[in-house]
Protein backbone atom coordinates (compact mmCIF):
# COMPACT_ATOMS: atom_id res chain seq x y z
CA MET A 1 105.99 64.55 198.90
CA PRO A 2 102.20 64.33 199.45
CA PRO A 3 100.81 67.02 201.76
CA LEU A 4 99.73 66.25 205.28
CA GLN A 5 96.00 66.12 205.84
CA LYS A 6 94.80 68.20 208.78
CA SER A 7 91.69 67.86 210.89
CA LYS A 8 89.30 70.79 210.47
CA ARG A 9 88.60 70.83 214.19
CA LYS A 10 90.42 72.66 216.93
CA ILE A 11 92.73 69.71 217.57
CA GLU A 12 94.88 69.15 214.49
CA ILE A 13 95.64 65.53 213.66
CA LEU A 14 98.22 65.02 210.92
CA LYS A 15 97.75 62.01 208.67
CA ALA A 16 99.94 60.34 206.08
CA GLU A 17 98.07 60.28 202.79
CA PRO A 18 99.11 56.71 201.80
CA LEU A 19 97.77 55.39 205.11
CA ALA A 20 94.55 57.41 204.91
CA GLY A 21 93.39 55.20 202.04
CA ILE A 22 93.37 52.00 204.13
CA PRO A 23 89.72 51.69 205.24
CA TRP A 24 90.22 49.65 208.42
CA LEU A 25 93.18 51.67 209.71
CA VAL A 26 93.10 54.36 212.37
CA HIS A 27 96.22 56.50 212.52
CA GLY A 28 97.42 60.00 213.28
CA PHE A 29 100.17 62.26 214.57
CA SER A 30 99.24 64.83 217.20
CA THR A 31 100.16 68.51 217.12
CA ARG A 32 100.54 71.22 219.75
CA PRO A 33 97.21 73.12 219.71
CA GLY A 34 93.78 72.13 220.94
CA GLY A 35 94.31 70.68 224.43
CA VAL A 36 93.69 71.78 228.00
CA SER A 37 97.30 72.09 229.19
CA GLU A 38 98.68 75.50 230.15
CA ALA A 39 102.29 74.66 230.98
CA TYR A 40 103.54 74.89 227.37
CA GLY A 41 101.23 77.59 226.10
CA ARG A 42 97.55 78.15 226.59
CA GLY A 43 95.43 75.30 225.30
CA SER A 44 98.24 72.94 224.34
CA LEU A 45 97.76 69.23 223.67
CA ASN A 46 100.47 67.71 225.85
CA LEU A 47 100.14 63.92 225.69
CA GLY A 48 103.02 62.90 227.96
CA ILE A 49 103.46 62.85 231.73
CA THR A 50 105.83 65.76 232.39
CA PRO A 51 106.95 67.65 235.52
CA GLU A 52 105.22 70.86 234.48
CA ASP A 53 101.78 69.44 233.66
CA THR A 54 99.13 67.57 235.65
CA ARG A 55 98.01 63.98 235.14
CA GLU A 56 94.42 65.20 234.91
CA ASN A 57 95.28 67.47 231.97
CA VAL A 58 97.22 64.73 230.19
CA ASP A 59 94.41 62.18 230.62
CA ARG A 60 91.90 64.65 229.23
CA ASN A 61 94.18 65.51 226.31
CA ARG A 62 94.67 61.82 225.49
CA GLU A 63 90.94 61.21 225.51
CA MET A 64 90.33 64.13 223.14
CA PHE A 65 93.19 63.06 220.88
CA LEU A 66 91.95 59.48 220.55
CA ARG A 67 88.45 60.66 219.74
CA GLU A 68 89.72 63.12 217.16
CA ALA A 69 91.87 60.39 215.60
CA ARG A 70 88.77 58.14 215.49
CA ALA A 71 90.35 55.61 217.84
CA ALA A 72 87.01 55.15 219.57
CA ASP A 73 83.93 52.94 219.43
CA ALA A 74 80.55 53.90 218.00
CA THR A 75 79.56 55.65 221.23
CA GLY A 76 82.69 57.80 221.22
CA LYS A 77 84.42 55.88 224.01
CA PRO A 78 88.18 55.85 223.28
CA TRP A 79 89.87 52.53 222.65
CA PRO A 80 92.21 51.18 225.33
CA LEU A 81 95.54 52.97 225.05
CA VAL A 82 98.76 50.92 225.02
CA LEU A 83 101.80 52.85 226.27
CA MET A 84 105.40 51.96 227.03
CA ARG A 85 108.09 53.39 229.19
CA GLN A 86 110.29 54.29 226.25
CA VAL A 87 113.94 53.48 226.85
CA HIS A 88 115.59 54.19 223.46
CA SER A 89 116.00 50.51 222.66
CA SER A 90 115.12 47.93 220.01
CA ILE A 91 112.63 46.15 222.30
CA ILE A 92 109.35 45.39 220.53
CA HIS A 93 106.18 44.01 222.14
CA LYS A 94 103.47 41.96 220.43
CA ILE A 95 100.11 43.12 221.78
CA ASP A 96 97.33 40.51 221.95
CA GLY A 97 95.34 42.34 224.60
CA LEU A 98 95.77 44.96 227.29
CA PRO A 99 99.13 44.43 229.05
CA LYS A 100 98.80 43.32 232.67
CA GLU A 101 102.15 44.85 233.62
CA PRO A 102 103.94 48.06 232.54
CA LEU A 103 105.85 47.71 229.30
CA HIS A 104 109.42 48.87 228.70
CA GLY A 105 110.52 49.26 225.11
CA ASP A 106 110.15 51.28 221.93
CA GLY A 107 108.00 49.26 219.56
CA LEU A 108 104.48 47.79 219.55
CA ILE A 109 102.83 45.52 216.97
CA THR A 110 99.35 44.01 216.82
CA ASN A 111 96.70 42.48 214.59
CA ARG A 112 93.97 42.84 217.20
CA PRO A 113 91.21 45.39 216.59
CA ALA A 114 90.10 48.26 218.83
CA ILE A 115 93.46 48.78 220.55
CA ALA A 116 95.36 52.09 220.25
CA LEU A 117 99.10 51.54 219.92
CA THR A 118 101.05 54.70 220.68
CA VAL A 119 104.50 56.25 221.04
CA ARG A 120 105.33 59.68 222.47
CA VAL A 121 107.92 62.02 220.98
CA ALA A 122 109.27 65.57 221.13
CA ASP A 123 112.04 65.41 218.47
CA CYS A 124 112.51 61.64 218.06
CA LEU A 125 110.74 60.11 215.08
CA PRO A 126 107.43 58.27 215.34
CA VAL A 127 107.27 55.56 212.68
CA LEU A 128 104.11 53.68 211.68
CA VAL A 129 104.26 50.46 209.65
CA VAL A 130 101.06 48.95 208.26
CA ASP A 131 100.36 45.63 206.54
CA PRO A 132 97.20 46.13 204.44
CA VAL A 133 97.12 42.44 203.49
CA GLN A 134 97.48 40.78 206.91
CA ARG A 135 95.75 43.67 208.73
CA ALA A 136 98.56 44.31 211.17
CA VAL A 137 100.14 47.53 212.45
CA GLY A 138 103.30 48.60 214.23
CA VAL A 139 104.38 51.81 215.96
CA PHE A 140 108.02 52.62 216.73
CA HIS A 141 109.93 55.29 218.66
CA ALA A 142 113.14 56.11 216.78
CA GLY A 143 115.57 58.51 218.42
CA TRP A 144 119.25 58.26 217.60
CA ARG A 145 119.79 55.37 220.00
CA GLY A 146 116.80 53.43 218.72
CA THR A 147 117.86 54.14 215.16
CA LEU A 148 121.37 52.91 215.91
CA ALA A 149 119.78 49.76 217.40
CA ARG A 150 117.74 49.30 214.18
CA ILE A 151 114.36 49.57 215.90
CA VAL A 152 112.42 50.05 212.64
CA GLU A 153 114.28 47.38 210.71
CA LYS A 154 113.72 44.92 213.54
CA GLY A 155 110.08 46.00 213.73
CA VAL A 156 109.52 44.92 210.14
CA GLY A 157 111.23 41.64 210.98
CA GLU A 158 108.90 41.08 213.92
CA MET A 159 105.86 41.73 211.73
CA ARG A 160 107.18 39.12 209.30
CA ARG A 161 107.70 36.64 212.11
CA GLN A 162 104.45 37.22 213.99
CA TYR A 163 102.00 37.96 211.18
CA ALA A 164 103.65 36.56 208.05
CA SER A 165 103.88 40.09 206.67
CA ASP A 166 105.54 40.41 203.28
CA PRO A 167 107.71 43.57 203.36
CA ALA A 168 106.69 44.25 199.76
CA ASP A 169 103.13 44.77 201.00
CA LEU A 170 104.01 47.14 203.84
CA VAL A 171 103.32 50.87 203.92
CA ALA A 172 105.34 53.06 206.29
CA ALA A 173 104.96 56.61 207.56
CA ILE A 174 107.70 58.58 209.31
CA GLY A 175 106.02 61.32 211.32
CA PRO A 176 107.24 64.79 212.34
CA GLY A 177 110.57 64.87 214.16
CA ILE A 178 113.79 66.82 214.25
CA HIS A 179 115.38 67.06 210.80
CA ARG A 180 118.95 67.33 209.58
CA CYS A 181 118.67 71.14 209.49
CA CYS A 182 118.41 71.34 213.29
CA TYR A 183 119.88 68.09 214.60
CA GLU A 184 123.43 68.95 215.62
CA VAL A 185 125.27 65.98 217.16
CA ALA A 186 128.71 65.18 218.55
CA GLU A 187 131.53 64.23 216.20
CA ASP A 188 131.72 60.69 217.60
CA PHE A 189 128.24 59.93 216.18
CA ARG A 190 129.95 59.32 212.84
CA GLU A 191 131.90 56.40 214.32
CA LYS A 192 128.84 55.02 216.09
CA PHE A 193 126.80 54.92 212.88
CA ALA A 194 129.72 53.83 210.69
CA ALA A 195 130.04 50.71 212.86
CA GLN A 196 126.45 49.76 212.00
CA PHE A 197 125.63 51.09 208.54
CA ALA A 198 127.62 50.98 205.32
CA TYR A 199 125.76 54.08 204.11
CA SER A 200 126.46 56.08 207.29
CA GLY A 201 128.41 58.76 205.39
CA SER A 202 125.24 59.90 203.63
CA LEU A 203 123.50 60.50 206.96
CA PHE A 204 125.79 63.30 208.12
CA GLU A 205 126.38 66.86 206.98
CA ASP A 206 129.12 69.29 208.03
CA VAL A 207 127.45 72.63 208.62
CA PHE A 208 129.76 75.63 208.72
CA ASP A 209 127.08 78.08 209.79
CA SER A 210 123.82 76.81 211.17
CA GLU A 211 121.97 80.12 210.78
CA PRO A 212 119.22 79.42 208.19
CA VAL A 213 119.74 82.71 206.32
CA ARG A 214 123.47 82.08 205.94
CA ARG A 215 122.89 78.51 204.75
CA LYS A 216 120.26 79.60 202.24
CA TYR A 217 122.18 82.61 200.90
CA PRO A 218 125.89 81.84 201.45
CA LEU A 219 127.09 84.28 198.77
CA LEU A 220 125.83 87.23 200.80
CA PHE A 221 128.32 86.42 203.56
CA MET A 222 131.38 85.33 201.58
CA ASN A 223 133.33 88.57 202.04
CA GLN A 224 132.75 89.10 205.75
CA ARG A 225 135.95 87.37 206.90
CA ALA A 226 139.24 89.23 206.87
CA PRO A 227 141.86 88.07 204.32
CA GLY A 228 143.82 85.09 205.53
CA HIS A 229 141.18 83.94 207.98
CA GLY A 230 139.97 80.40 207.57
CA ALA A 231 136.42 79.10 207.49
CA PRO A 232 134.57 78.96 210.82
CA PRO A 233 134.43 75.60 212.62
CA SER A 234 131.79 73.22 211.34
CA THR A 235 129.16 71.32 213.27
CA VAL A 236 127.90 67.82 212.51
CA HIS A 237 124.23 67.29 211.68
CA LEU A 238 122.50 63.89 211.55
CA ASP A 239 119.60 63.00 209.25
CA LEU A 240 117.37 60.69 211.33
CA VAL A 241 114.68 60.66 208.67
CA GLU A 242 117.00 59.30 206.01
CA ALA A 243 118.50 56.82 208.48
CA ASN A 244 115.09 55.31 209.16
CA ARG A 245 114.06 55.42 205.52
CA ARG A 246 117.18 53.41 204.67
CA GLN A 247 116.32 50.87 207.36
CA LEU A 248 112.86 50.42 205.90
CA LEU A 249 114.39 49.92 202.45
CA ASP A 250 116.88 47.39 203.82
CA ALA A 251 113.98 45.53 205.45
CA GLY A 252 112.31 45.19 202.04
CA VAL A 253 109.70 47.96 202.12
CA PRO A 254 109.33 49.42 198.59
CA PRO A 255 110.60 53.01 198.24
CA GLN A 256 107.26 54.20 196.88
CA SER A 257 105.58 52.85 200.03
CA ILE A 258 107.64 54.98 202.44
CA TRP A 259 106.20 58.38 203.34
CA ALA A 260 108.00 60.96 205.47
CA SER A 261 106.67 64.18 206.96
CA GLU A 262 108.47 67.34 205.87
CA LEU A 263 107.79 68.96 209.27
CA CYS A 264 110.77 69.51 211.56
CA THR A 265 109.77 69.75 215.23
CA SER A 266 112.49 72.30 215.96
CA CYS A 267 111.67 74.51 212.95
CA ARG A 268 107.90 74.27 213.53
CA ASN A 269 107.87 74.83 217.26
CA ASP A 270 104.63 76.78 216.80
CA LEU A 271 102.84 73.60 215.71
CA LEU A 272 104.89 70.87 217.40
CA PHE A 273 106.76 70.23 220.65
CA SER A 274 110.56 70.17 220.49
CA HIS A 275 112.67 69.00 223.42
CA ARG A 276 115.80 70.53 221.93
CA LYS A 277 114.32 73.86 220.84
CA GLU A 278 112.63 74.35 224.24
CA LYS A 279 115.65 73.18 226.22
CA GLY A 280 113.91 70.19 227.75
CA VAL A 281 110.84 72.01 229.06
CA THR A 282 108.10 70.97 226.69
CA GLY A 283 105.17 68.67 226.10
CA ARG A 284 104.96 65.41 224.18
CA LEU A 285 103.42 64.56 220.85
CA MET A 286 101.81 61.19 220.19
CA ALA A 287 101.50 58.89 217.20
CA VAL A 288 98.70 56.32 217.17
CA ALA A 289 97.76 53.33 215.02
CA GLY A 290 94.96 50.83 215.40
CA ILE A 291 92.59 48.49 213.57
CA ARG A 292 88.84 49.00 213.23
CA GLU A 293 86.65 45.98 213.89
């Protein structure tokens, strides 16, 4: 997996290497450090409206993030920011200009320049899809509900319909989110996903001990149970990254054109916000994509 490229400045913007080679594309995934918020640690870059932070802080953080991501004009003025009220759906909006009314949904696509399409996450996956031929971009918010609703697969379909995108030309990047190692879910998730995906069995793992040391070195703990005692109860873990990668494949995106971050938001809580790790009291990360004029 290619390494993430980091900004050398105080604010760290993570970039997907395959997307970094597209000259007209602006893209990036935010991280935790470098902002003005104090609620989630001194100098944190919270990019979502949350109960613990102020709107003034968030607006300032967003401005700094867009500038650092180069989503700005020649004078440094940030591009207009397109946001949604994210509702864990498969609703996708085509953006031809600044929306006149608030948007509800989880996907945005455009071929218009100088507009910053964004999604906010704190464990859910941000997914960027880029058409280098038709000069179109899409951003998608993929939590388990959106994944179950095929948000990314439908997003590729919308880019085909609206911009005549050939899936074989598309390049996709799955940004930092919660990974299989930390994403424990209820048992009934198996049935939910089995009803939608023939490959659902490969998305789940039964974990008998979720402590990382025990999982990495199981032989060290084999003799700790008394004779006759059975194995401890298992927990079910879901692989959202693989689920969305499979959707991109099913939509026709070539496997070599799908990049996925190795960063887990829960494991790397020092660098990223995690709703689950911080028990709901945390900031929001942002993914952005846009087209230079």
